[in-house]
């Protein structure tokens, strides 16, 4: 891999992992447009590690409180709003974890086509717009109930379809269920931590069992670039979200979906 490809894919992963615009659509589209060779499993692991570093760094104080609260709820049966939120994150992760383990291979085989990605980008973009338009937006993330966490978790299963956007679909669910834009985004980002950790872990296991030669410069650069860009993206997105809403991202998704259809389907 040359540095142009490392920089492009690292930035792309960092910027699209947490925006509601589908990282998978971009990571497939950019190499196709520029004629790049497949970046390989090792680099995929690296950029996922980078985004994990970014979200953990940004929410480090929240995560510390969530872990301490969760431990207190388990050991001392001392329940607080932090322990409650920690349990909601765990509950919300279970559906996609189960489906991913059972059917992840089938999804990768049969649904990773430009047509599927384009349609998912458009359809779930419109659903995001609808949820933002009709959502009551009066709850914060600490008011999430078990039922709400399960529903958001079930929506997150749809993110296994390339083009859906994990952050986009979980924010869509949160908005439908009455969360504010910021609360929906914060819960979505916190919900990403166990999922990215699990996905990165599975890819790492695959990597250890392969005979692929690792390009260490590309790995380290990929981690750093994706981490920095993802951290900046999270901070900016949360700062501007209440002002601009979801419409700019919806419009972008529609344009991207139509472009994909034009280039690879029609």
Protein backbone atom coordinates (compact mmCIF):
# COMPACT_ATOMS: atom_id res chain seq x y z
CA UNK A 1 0.00 0.00 0.00
CA UNK A 2 1.28 3.48 -0.82
CA UNK A 3 0.78 6.42 1.52
CA UNK A 4 -2.03 7.90 -0.59
CA UNK A 5 -4.10 4.76 -0.07
CA UNK A 6 -3.23 4.56 3.63
CA UNK A 7 -4.20 8.20 4.15
CA UNK A 8 -7.37 7.95 2.08
CA UNK A 9 -8.70 4.80 3.73
CA UNK A 10 -7.64 5.84 7.23
CA UNK A 11 -9.38 9.20 6.92
CA UNK A 12 -12.41 7.62 5.32
CA UNK A 13 -12.83 5.03 8.08
CA UNK A 14 -12.35 7.62 10.80
CA UNK A 15 -14.78 10.12 9.29
CA UNK A 16 -17.53 7.71 8.26
CA UNK A 17 -17.59 5.23 11.17
CA UNK A 18 -19.55 7.60 13.41
CA UNK A 19 -21.42 9.77 10.92
CA UNK A 20 -24.82 8.42 9.76
CA UNK A 21 -23.61 7.97 6.16
CA UNK A 22 -22.35 4.34 5.99
CA UNK A 23 -18.63 3.60 6.23
CA UNK A 24 -19.03 0.38 4.21
CA UNK A 25 -20.40 2.26 1.19
CA UNK A 26 -17.45 4.63 1.22
CA UNK A 27 -14.80 1.97 1.82
CA UNK A 28 -16.09 0.03 -1.18
CA UNK A 29 -16.66 3.05 -3.42
CA UNK A 30 -13.31 4.84 -2.98
CA UNK A 31 -11.03 1.91 -3.96
CA UNK A 32 -13.29 1.15 -6.94
CA UNK A 33 -13.18 4.74 -8.15
CA UNK A 34 -9.41 5.05 -7.73
CA UNK A 35 -8.52 1.53 -8.85
CA UNK A 36 -6.85 0.58 -5.58
CA UNK A 37 -6.15 -3.04 -4.72
CA UNK A 38 -7.84 -4.58 -1.70
CA UNK A 39 -6.21 -3.19 1.43
CA UNK A 40 -6.23 -6.54 3.18
CA UNK A 41 -7.40 -7.85 6.53
CA UNK A 42 -4.52 -6.43 8.58
CA UNK A 43 -5.28 -2.87 7.51
CA UNK A 44 -9.00 -3.38 8.19
CA UNK A 45 -8.09 -4.39 11.75
CA UNK A 46 -5.82 -1.34 12.08
CA UNK A 47 -8.43 1.26 11.09
CA UNK A 48 -11.03 -0.38 13.34
CA UNK A 49 -8.57 -0.20 16.23
CA UNK A 50 -8.10 3.47 15.40
CA UNK A 51 -11.82 4.24 15.61
CA UNK A 52 -12.04 2.27 18.87
CA UNK A 53 -9.18 4.33 20.32
CA UNK A 54 -10.98 7.51 19.25
CA UNK A 55 -14.37 6.73 20.79
CA UNK A 56 -12.84 5.40 24.01
CA UNK A 57 -10.62 8.49 24.27
CA UNK A 58 -13.49 10.89 23.65
CA UNK A 59 -15.83 9.22 26.16
CA UNK A 60 -13.09 8.19 28.62
CA UNK A 61 -14.70 9.94 31.61
CA UNK A 62 -18.15 8.55 30.79
CA UNK A 63 -16.71 5.07 30.31
CA UNK A 64 -14.91 5.19 33.64
CA UNK A 65 -18.17 6.09 35.40
CA UNK A 66 -20.08 3.43 33.48
CA UNK A 67 -17.57 0.70 34.39
CA UNK A 68 -17.46 1.72 38.06
CA UNK A 69 -21.25 1.93 38.18
CA UNK A 70 -21.66 -1.44 36.51
CA UNK A 71 -19.19 -3.11 38.90
CA UNK A 72 -20.98 -1.58 41.87
CA UNK A 73 -24.31 -2.89 40.58
CA UNK A 74 -22.89 -6.39 40.24
CA UNK A 75 -20.84 -6.58 43.44
CA UNK A 76 -22.83 -4.37 45.83
CA UNK A 77 -26.22 -4.30 44.13
CA UNK A 78 -25.79 -0.52 44.15
CA UNK A 79 -27.77 0.78 41.16
CA UNK A 80 -27.17 4.28 39.76
CA UNK A 81 -27.96 6.00 36.48
CA UNK A 82 -24.44 5.08 35.30
CA UNK A 83 -24.89 1.40 36.08
CA UNK A 84 -28.29 1.49 34.40
CA UNK A 85 -26.84 3.01 31.23
CA UNK A 86 -24.02 0.44 31.25
CA UNK A 87 -26.59 -2.37 31.38
CA UNK A 88 -28.56 -0.77 28.55
CA UNK A 89 -25.41 -0.74 26.39
CA UNK A 90 -24.84 -4.43 27.11
CA UNK A 91 -28.48 -5.30 26.35
CA UNK A 92 -28.40 -3.23 23.14
CA UNK A 93 -25.31 -5.09 21.93
CA UNK A 94 -26.67 -8.62 22.34
CA UNK A 95 -28.91 -8.83 19.21
CA UNK A 96 -26.26 -7.75 16.68
CA UNK A 97 -23.63 -9.88 18.41
CA UNK A 98 -25.79 -13.00 18.11
CA UNK A 99 -26.86 -12.38 14.51
CA UNK A 100 -23.35 -11.38 13.48
CA UNK A 101 -21.86 -14.60 14.83
CA UNK A 102 -24.58 -16.79 13.32
CA UNK A 103 -25.08 -15.12 9.93
CA UNK A 104 -22.18 -12.72 9.41
CA UNK A 105 -20.59 -14.94 6.77
CA UNK A 106 -23.80 -15.23 4.77
CA UNK A 107 -24.32 -11.48 4.87
CA UNK A 108 -20.76 -10.83 3.66
CA UNK A 109 -21.25 -13.34 0.84
CA UNK A 110 -24.67 -12.38 -0.48
CA UNK A 111 -25.30 -8.75 0.46
CA UNK A 112 -21.99 -7.01 -0.28
CA UNK A 113 -22.94 -5.79 -3.76
CA UNK A 114 -23.12 -2.21 -5.10
CA UNK A 115 -26.87 -2.57 -5.68
CA UNK A 116 -27.56 -3.60 -2.07
CA UNK A 117 -25.27 -0.88 -0.71
CA UNK A 118 -26.89 1.78 -2.90
CA UNK A 119 -30.45 0.81 -1.96
CA UNK A 120 -29.61 0.55 1.74
CA UNK A 121 -27.89 3.93 1.62
CA UNK A 122 -30.99 5.54 0.11
CA UNK A 123 -33.74 3.71 2.04
CA UNK A 124 -32.18 3.97 5.47
CA UNK A 125 -31.24 7.58 4.74
CA UNK A 126 -34.91 8.37 4.14
CA UNK A 127 -35.82 6.50 7.34
CA UNK A 128 -33.29 8.64 9.24
CA UNK A 129 -34.93 11.79 7.85
CA UNK A 130 -38.41 10.56 8.83
CA UNK A 131 -37.35 9.70 12.39
CA UNK A 132 -35.74 13.14 12.79
CA UNK A 133 -38.85 14.84 11.40
CA UNK A 134 -41.40 13.13 13.65
CA UNK A 135 -39.29 12.34 16.73
CA UNK A 136 -40.45 14.00 19.98
CA UNK A 137 -36.84 14.45 21.17
CA UNK A 138 -37.44 14.81 24.93
CA UNK A 139 -35.42 11.97 26.53
CA UNK A 140 -31.73 11.77 27.38
CA UNK A 141 -29.63 8.60 27.28
CA UNK A 142 -30.11 7.96 31.01
CA UNK A 143 -33.86 7.56 30.45
CA UNK A 144 -33.40 4.57 28.13
CA UNK A 145 -35.39 1.57 29.36
CA UNK A 146 -34.77 -2.13 28.77
CA UNK A 147 -37.46 -2.10 26.08
CA UNK A 148 -35.85 0.89 24.36
CA UNK A 149 -32.39 -0.72 24.53
CA UNK A 150 -33.73 -3.94 22.99
CA UNK A 151 -35.45 -2.06 20.16
CA UNK A 152 -32.34 -0.02 19.39
CA UNK A 153 -30.34 -3.26 19.54
CA UNK A 154 -32.68 -4.89 17.03
CA UNK A 155 -32.36 -1.90 14.73
CA UNK A 156 -28.58 -2.23 15.03
CA UNK A 157 -28.84 -5.71 13.50
CA UNK A 158 -29.81 -3.99 10.24
CA UNK A 159 -26.34 -2.41 10.22
CA UNK A 160 -24.97 -5.81 9.15
CA UNK A 161 -26.42 -4.97 5.73
CA UNK A 162 -23.69 -2.95 3.95
CA UNK A 163 -24.81 0.60 3.25
CA UNK A 164 -27.11 0.86 6.27
CA UNK A 165 -24.71 2.72 8.63
CA UNK A 166 -24.52 1.44 12.20
CA UNK A 167 -24.56 4.91 13.69
CA UNK A 168 -27.32 6.00 11.31
CA UNK A 169 -29.69 3.15 12.10
CA UNK A 170 -29.19 3.31 15.87
CA UNK A 171 -29.75 7.08 15.84
CA UNK A 172 -32.87 6.48 13.73
CA UNK A 173 -34.20 4.09 16.36
CA UNK A 174 -33.32 6.48 19.18
CA UNK A 175 -35.12 9.37 17.50
CA UNK A 176 -38.21 7.25 16.86
CA UNK A 177 -38.21 6.35 20.58
CA UNK A 178 -38.09 9.95 21.81
CA UNK A 179 -34.38 10.55 22.42
CA UNK A 180 -32.92 13.96 21.68
CA UNK A 181 -30.51 14.12 18.76
CA UNK A 182 -27.53 14.40 21.09
CA UNK A 183 -28.74 11.57 23.34
CA UNK A 184 -29.36 9.32 20.31
CA UNK A 185 -25.87 10.09 19.03
CA UNK A 186 -24.17 9.61 22.41
CA UNK A 187 -25.90 6.27 23.00
CA UNK A 188 -25.06 5.20 19.45
CA UNK A 189 -21.38 6.03 19.98
CA UNK A 190 -21.22 4.27 23.36
CA UNK A 191 -23.02 1.30 21.81
CA UNK A 192 -20.31 1.13 19.16
CA UNK A 193 -17.55 0.37 21.68
CA UNK A 194 -18.35 -3.29 22.44
CA UNK A 195 -19.29 -3.90 18.80
CA UNK A 196 -16.08 -2.46 17.34
CA UNK A 197 -14.11 -4.33 20.02
CA UNK A 198 -15.80 -7.63 19.13
CA UNK A 199 -15.51 -7.08 15.36
CA UNK A 200 -11.86 -6.06 15.69
CA UNK A 201 -11.20 -9.07 17.89
CA UNK A 202 -12.71 -11.48 15.36
CA UNK A 203 -10.70 -9.91 12.55
CA UNK A 204 -7.56 -10.16 14.68
CA UNK A 205 -8.19 -13.87 15.24
CA UNK A 206 -8.58 -14.31 11.46
CA UNK A 207 -5.37 -12.39 10.93
CA UNK A 208 -3.40 -14.51 13.38
CA UNK A 209 -4.55 -17.63 11.57
CA UNK A 210 -3.46 -16.33 8.18
CA UNK A 211 -0.08 -16.22 6.46
CA UNK A 212 -0.43 -12.62 5.29
CA UNK A 213 2.72 -10.52 5.49
CA UNK A 214 2.03 -7.50 7.67
CA UNK A 215 3.08 -4.02 6.48
CA UNK A 216 3.80 -2.45 9.85
CA UNK A 217 4.11 1.11 8.57
CA UNK A 218 0.65 0.86 6.99
CA UNK A 219 -0.77 -0.65 10.20
CA UNK A 220 0.60 2.02 12.51
CA UNK A 221 -0.27 4.85 10.12
CA UNK A 222 -3.79 3.46 9.65
CA UNK A 223 -4.38 3.37 13.42
CA UNK A 224 -3.12 6.92 13.93
CA UNK A 225 -4.94 8.47 10.96
CA UNK A 226 -8.28 6.78 11.66
CA UNK A 227 -8.04 7.58 15.40
CA UNK A 228 -7.34 11.29 14.89
CA UNK A 229 -9.98 11.74 12.19
CA UNK A 230 -12.60 9.77 14.15
CA UNK A 231 -11.97 11.75 17.36
CA UNK A 232 -12.35 15.05 15.49
CA UNK A 233 -15.46 13.74 13.74
CA UNK A 234 -17.18 12.74 17.01
CA UNK A 235 -16.42 16.10 18.63
CA UNK A 236 -17.62 18.15 15.66
CA UNK A 237 -20.71 16.02 15.04
CA UNK A 238 -21.96 16.30 18.62
CA UNK A 239 -21.28 20.03 18.64
CA UNK A 240 -23.20 20.78 15.44
CA UNK A 241 -25.94 18.13 15.58
CA UNK A 242 -28.64 20.08 17.43
CA UNK A 243 -28.16 23.04 15.06
CA UNK A 244 -28.15 21.29 11.70
CA UNK A 245 -30.14 18.10 12.40
CA UNK A 246 -29.96 15.04 10.17
CA UNK A 247 -31.05 16.58 6.87
CA UNK A 248 -27.54 17.33 5.48
CA UNK A 249 -26.54 13.70 6.05
CA UNK A 250 -29.78 12.45 4.49
CA UNK A 251 -29.19 14.55 1.36
CA UNK A 252 -25.61 13.29 1.17
CA UNK A 253 -26.81 9.68 1.46
CA UNK A 254 -29.33 10.16 -1.34
CA UNK A 255 -26.68 11.62 -3.63
CA UNK A 256 -24.24 8.83 -2.75
CA UNK A 257 -26.85 6.12 -3.30
CA UNK A 258 -27.87 7.50 -6.68
CA UNK A 259 -24.19 7.75 -7.68
CA UNK A 260 -23.63 4.11 -6.75
CA UNK A 261 -26.68 3.04 -8.75
CA UNK A 262 -25.50 5.05 -11.75
CA UNK A 263 -21.92 3.73 -11.63
CA UNK A 264 -22.49 0.07 -10.81
CA UNK A 265 -26.10 -0.90 -11.48
CA UNK A 266 -27.57 0.99 -14.46
